[in-house]
Amino acid sequence: MSNVETKRVAIEVSKTVYVSGLWQRPSRAWSCLMIAPGAGAGMEHPFMAEMAAELNALGIATLRYQFPYLERGGRRPDPPAMCHATVRAAVRVSASHARGLPHFAGGKSFGGRMTSQAQAANPLDGIRGLAFIGFPLHPRGKPSAERGAHLDDVRVPMLFLQGTRDEFATLSLLHSLMRRLGPSATLGLFKDANHSFHAPARTGRTDAQVRAELVVTLAKWMKAVLN
């Protein structure tokens, strides 16, 4: 296994707002993925850390980072404009460390949605595609496609990694979204997994097994985009 360069980085969102980031680059890196966190868990959450380690093992450099409210230890997400600015600031920092690696962006749940909104409003510099790890298409128990409306304005390939039991993305609505977005969108489904990519014990599948499938699916998609 290649060595992994690890750096704590400060990301300047504005003159008065900074957030933390963690850059990890394996010695044989062939691509880079920025990973924004979910609404209730920061970049150090075990799922985020373990996924990044497995991506690094496959030759994918990662930048995990916080949103300002998470940096402050808050619970209420920042306004979308602040989240979008944070995504753009993270792109700049990631590019400065990537040294020519092809660049992808995305995130877990809320982080992926904020990244896609930023991309839809004004394309992120150098980003080759977006990867959503549990895209929150609607609130829990309130099926709707409204949160996916902006995706029509995204002009780079998109990957949706979703559990079939995701309570924030009803399967029928997901399939409708894929048809609407056409060839630019790819859907990777994980049987019996929920929004946290946890499968019930009765399935015999562990969280680690589901996560490993997710990471391999993500890496294959990135290679396909680059080829």
Protein backbone atom coordinates (compact mmCIF):
# COMPACT_ATOMS: atom_id res chain seq x y z
CA MET A 1 0.00 0.00 0.00
CA SER A 2 1.27 3.49 -0.82
CA ASN A 3 2.09 6.02 1.88
CA VAL A 4 -0.47 8.75 2.55
CA GLU A 5 0.53 12.39 2.93
CA THR A 6 -1.77 13.93 5.56
CA LYS A 7 -2.11 17.65 6.25
CA ARG A 8 -4.43 19.74 8.37
CA VAL A 9 -5.37 22.81 6.34
CA ALA A 10 -7.13 26.08 7.08
CA ILE A 11 -9.72 27.05 4.48
CA GLU A 12 -10.44 30.77 4.14
CA VAL A 13 -14.12 31.23 3.32
CA SER A 14 -13.99 35.00 3.87
CA LYS A 15 -11.75 37.49 5.70
CA THR A 16 -13.49 36.58 8.96
CA VAL A 17 -14.52 32.95 8.40
CA TYR A 18 -12.16 29.97 8.34
CA VAL A 19 -12.92 26.26 8.48
CA SER A 20 -10.78 23.18 9.01
CA GLY A 21 -9.88 20.68 6.36
CA LEU A 22 -7.95 17.42 6.20
CA TRP A 23 -5.99 16.70 3.03
CA GLN A 24 -4.87 13.11 2.41
CA ARG A 25 -2.93 12.10 -0.69
CA PRO A 26 -1.58 8.60 -1.32
CA SER A 27 1.81 8.43 -3.03
CA ARG A 28 0.29 6.81 -6.13
CA ALA A 29 -2.75 9.07 -6.40
CA TRP A 30 -4.52 9.23 -9.76
CA SER A 31 -7.48 11.44 -8.79
CA CYS A 32 -8.85 13.63 -6.01
CA LEU A 33 -12.27 13.86 -4.29
CA MET A 34 -13.49 16.67 -2.04
CA ILE A 35 -15.98 15.37 0.55
CA ALA A 36 -18.34 17.80 2.28
CA PRO A 37 -19.92 16.54 5.51
CA GLY A 38 -23.53 15.73 6.32
CA ALA A 39 -25.64 18.19 8.29
CA GLY A 40 -25.25 16.54 11.68
CA ALA A 41 -21.75 15.11 11.53
CA GLY A 42 -18.45 16.78 10.74
CA MET A 43 -15.45 15.64 8.78
CA GLU A 44 -14.15 13.49 11.66
CA HIS A 45 -17.26 11.29 11.76
CA PRO A 46 -16.19 7.60 11.58
CA PHE A 47 -18.07 7.05 8.30
CA MET A 48 -16.24 9.97 6.69
CA ALA A 49 -12.84 8.95 8.06
CA GLU A 50 -13.19 5.30 7.10
CA MET A 51 -14.46 6.11 3.62
CA ALA A 52 -11.56 8.51 3.04
CA ALA A 53 -9.05 5.87 4.17
CA GLU A 54 -10.52 3.32 1.77
CA LEU A 55 -10.48 5.83 -1.09
CA ASN A 56 -6.84 6.63 -0.30
CA ALA A 57 -6.05 2.90 -0.48
CA LEU A 58 -7.47 2.91 -4.03
CA GLY A 59 -5.26 5.83 -5.09
CA ILE A 60 -7.78 8.64 -4.60
CA ALA A 61 -6.66 11.72 -2.67
CA THR A 62 -9.31 13.30 -0.45
CA LEU A 63 -10.09 16.63 1.15
CA ARG A 64 -12.59 16.48 3.99
CA TYR A 65 -13.72 19.78 5.43
CA GLN A 66 -16.19 21.49 7.73
CA PHE A 67 -18.97 24.00 7.19
CA PRO A 68 -18.71 27.09 9.42
CA TYR A 69 -21.52 26.05 11.78
CA LEU A 70 -19.83 22.69 12.35
CA GLU A 71 -16.54 24.47 12.99
CA ARG A 72 -18.30 26.47 15.72
CA GLY A 73 -19.89 23.35 17.18
CA GLY A 74 -23.36 24.49 16.13
CA ARG A 75 -26.31 22.37 15.08
CA ARG A 76 -28.19 24.68 12.73
CA PRO A 77 -26.76 24.69 9.18
CA ASP A 78 -25.43 27.90 7.71
CA PRO A 79 -27.48 29.70 5.02
CA PRO A 80 -26.96 28.14 1.57
CA ALA A 81 -24.88 31.10 0.36
CA MET A 82 -22.35 30.51 3.15
CA CYS A 83 -22.25 26.77 2.40
CA HIS A 84 -21.70 27.47 -1.29
CA ALA A 85 -18.87 29.87 -0.47
CA THR A 86 -17.30 27.18 1.71
CA VAL A 87 -17.47 24.65 -1.12
CA ARG A 88 -15.75 27.12 -3.47
CA ALA A 89 -13.07 27.88 -0.90
CA ALA A 90 -12.43 24.16 -0.45
CA VAL A 91 -12.06 23.77 -4.23
CA ARG A 92 -9.31 26.40 -4.21
CA VAL A 93 -7.43 24.74 -1.35
CA SER A 94 -7.81 21.27 -2.80
CA ALA A 95 -6.53 22.40 -6.20
CA SER A 96 -3.46 23.96 -4.56
CA HIS A 97 -2.56 20.59 -2.99
CA ALA A 98 -3.67 18.31 -5.83
CA ARG A 99 -0.81 19.33 -8.16
CA GLY A 100 -2.57 18.43 -11.38
CA LEU A 101 -4.75 15.54 -10.23
CA PRO A 102 -8.20 15.32 -11.86
CA HIS A 103 -10.68 16.84 -9.43
CA PHE A 104 -14.11 15.62 -8.28
CA ALA A 105 -16.39 17.09 -5.63
CA GLY A 106 -19.33 15.91 -3.58
CA GLY A 107 -20.32 14.96 -0.10
CA LYS A 108 -22.47 13.07 2.33
CA SER A 109 -26.17 14.01 2.29
CA PHE A 110 -26.46 17.77 3.02
CA GLY A 111 -22.84 18.30 1.94
CA GLY A 112 -23.52 16.77 -1.46
CA ARG A 113 -26.63 18.90 -1.92
CA MET A 114 -24.76 22.11 -1.07
CA THR A 115 -21.99 21.12 -3.50
CA SER A 116 -24.48 20.50 -6.30
CA GLN A 117 -26.24 23.80 -5.64
CA ALA A 118 -22.92 25.63 -5.87
CA GLN A 119 -22.09 23.83 -9.13
CA ALA A 120 -25.53 24.56 -10.58
CA ALA A 121 -25.31 28.28 -9.73
CA ASN A 122 -21.80 28.76 -11.13
CA PRO A 123 -19.54 25.85 -12.20
CA LEU A 124 -16.77 24.97 -9.74
CA ASP A 125 -13.32 25.46 -11.24
CA GLY A 126 -11.82 22.30 -12.69
CA ILE A 127 -14.38 19.87 -11.27
CA ARG A 128 -14.82 16.81 -13.51
CA GLY A 129 -17.86 15.34 -11.77
CA LEU A 130 -20.00 15.29 -8.63
CA ALA A 131 -20.45 12.30 -6.31
CA PHE A 132 -23.40 12.24 -3.90
CA ILE A 133 -23.21 9.86 -0.94
CA GLY A 134 -26.87 9.60 -0.02
CA PHE A 135 -28.40 12.58 -1.85
CA PRO A 136 -31.25 13.93 0.36
CA LEU A 137 -33.94 14.26 -2.29
CA HIS A 138 -36.62 15.14 0.26
CA PRO A 139 -37.16 15.43 4.05
CA ARG A 140 -37.68 12.20 5.98
CA GLY A 141 -41.19 10.87 5.38
CA LYS A 142 -42.15 13.67 2.95
CA PRO A 143 -41.53 12.34 -0.59
CA SER A 144 -40.89 15.09 -3.11
CA ALA A 145 -38.47 15.82 -5.96
CA GLU A 146 -38.19 19.54 -5.20
CA ARG A 147 -34.67 19.32 -3.77
CA GLY A 148 -33.46 17.88 -7.05
CA ALA A 149 -34.79 20.66 -9.29
CA HIS A 150 -31.44 22.49 -9.48
CA LEU A 151 -29.67 19.37 -10.78
CA ASP A 152 -30.94 20.15 -14.29
CA ASP A 153 -28.42 23.02 -14.30
CA VAL A 154 -25.42 20.82 -13.48
CA ARG A 155 -23.28 20.24 -16.57
CA VAL A 156 -20.82 17.63 -15.31
CA PRO A 157 -21.34 13.89 -14.72
CA MET A 158 -23.09 12.98 -11.47
CA LEU A 159 -23.01 9.81 -9.39
CA PHE A 160 -25.78 9.05 -6.90
CA LEU A 161 -24.84 6.43 -4.29
CA GLN A 162 -28.05 5.49 -2.51
CA GLY A 163 -29.36 2.81 -0.16
CA THR A 164 -32.58 1.14 -1.26
CA ARG A 165 -34.03 1.90 2.18
CA ASP A 166 -32.92 5.55 2.21
CA GLU A 167 -35.64 7.44 4.07
CA PHE A 168 -34.56 10.70 2.40
CA ALA A 169 -34.79 9.44 -1.18
CA THR A 170 -37.77 7.33 -2.21
CA LEU A 171 -36.71 4.84 -4.89
CA SER A 172 -39.47 5.71 -7.35
CA LEU A 173 -38.52 9.38 -7.15
CA LEU A 174 -34.85 8.54 -7.59
CA HIS A 175 -35.55 6.55 -10.73
CA SER A 176 -37.66 9.41 -12.09
CA LEU A 177 -34.80 11.81 -11.38
CA MET A 178 -32.35 9.57 -13.25
CA ARG A 179 -34.63 9.47 -16.28
CA ARG A 180 -34.95 13.25 -16.22
CA LEU A 181 -31.22 13.88 -15.92
CA GLY A 182 -30.38 11.36 -18.63
CA PRO A 183 -26.87 10.07 -19.39
CA SER A 184 -25.15 12.64 -17.18
CA ALA A 185 -26.44 10.82 -14.08
CA THR A 186 -25.43 7.38 -12.77
CA LEU A 187 -27.22 5.60 -9.94
CA GLY A 188 -25.47 3.14 -7.65
CA LEU A 189 -27.91 1.28 -5.39
CA PHE A 190 -26.99 -0.60 -2.21
CA LYS A 191 -29.54 -3.23 -1.27
CA ASP A 192 -31.24 -2.84 2.11
CA ALA A 193 -29.00 0.10 3.16
CA ASN A 194 -30.54 3.20 4.72
CA HIS A 195 -29.42 6.85 4.52
CA SER A 196 -26.44 6.05 6.77
CA PHE A 197 -25.57 3.03 4.58
CA HIS A 198 -26.48 0.65 7.37
CA ALA A 199 -28.13 -2.64 6.45
CA PRO A 200 -30.18 -4.66 8.98
CA ALA A 201 -28.38 -7.52 10.73
CA ARG A 202 -30.76 -10.02 9.10
CA THR A 203 -29.15 -9.28 5.72
CA GLY A 204 -25.79 -10.60 6.92
CA ARG A 205 -24.05 -7.50 5.55
CA THR A 206 -21.94 -5.32 7.82
CA ASP A 207 -21.56 -1.56 7.57
CA ALA A 208 -17.95 -2.11 6.51
CA GLN A 209 -19.04 -4.36 3.64
CA VAL A 210 -21.58 -1.84 2.39
CA ARG A 211 -19.03 0.97 2.63
CA ALA A 212 -16.45 -1.08 0.72
CA GLU A 213 -18.97 -1.63 -2.10
CA LEU A 214 -19.71 2.09 -2.11
CA VAL A 215 -16.04 3.04 -2.38
CA VAL A 216 -15.36 0.58 -5.21
CA THR A 217 -18.42 1.85 -7.12
CA LEU A 218 -17.22 5.41 -6.68
CA ALA A 219 -13.70 4.66 -7.87
CA LYS A 220 -14.95 2.81 -10.96
CA TRP A 221 -17.22 5.73 -11.86
CA MET A 222 -14.36 8.23 -11.50
CA LYS A 223 -12.19 6.14 -13.82
CA ALA A 224 -15.03 5.89 -16.35
CA VAL A 225 -15.48 9.68 -16.33
CA LEU A 226 -11.76 10.22 -16.89
CA ASN A 227 -11.64 7.69 -19.73
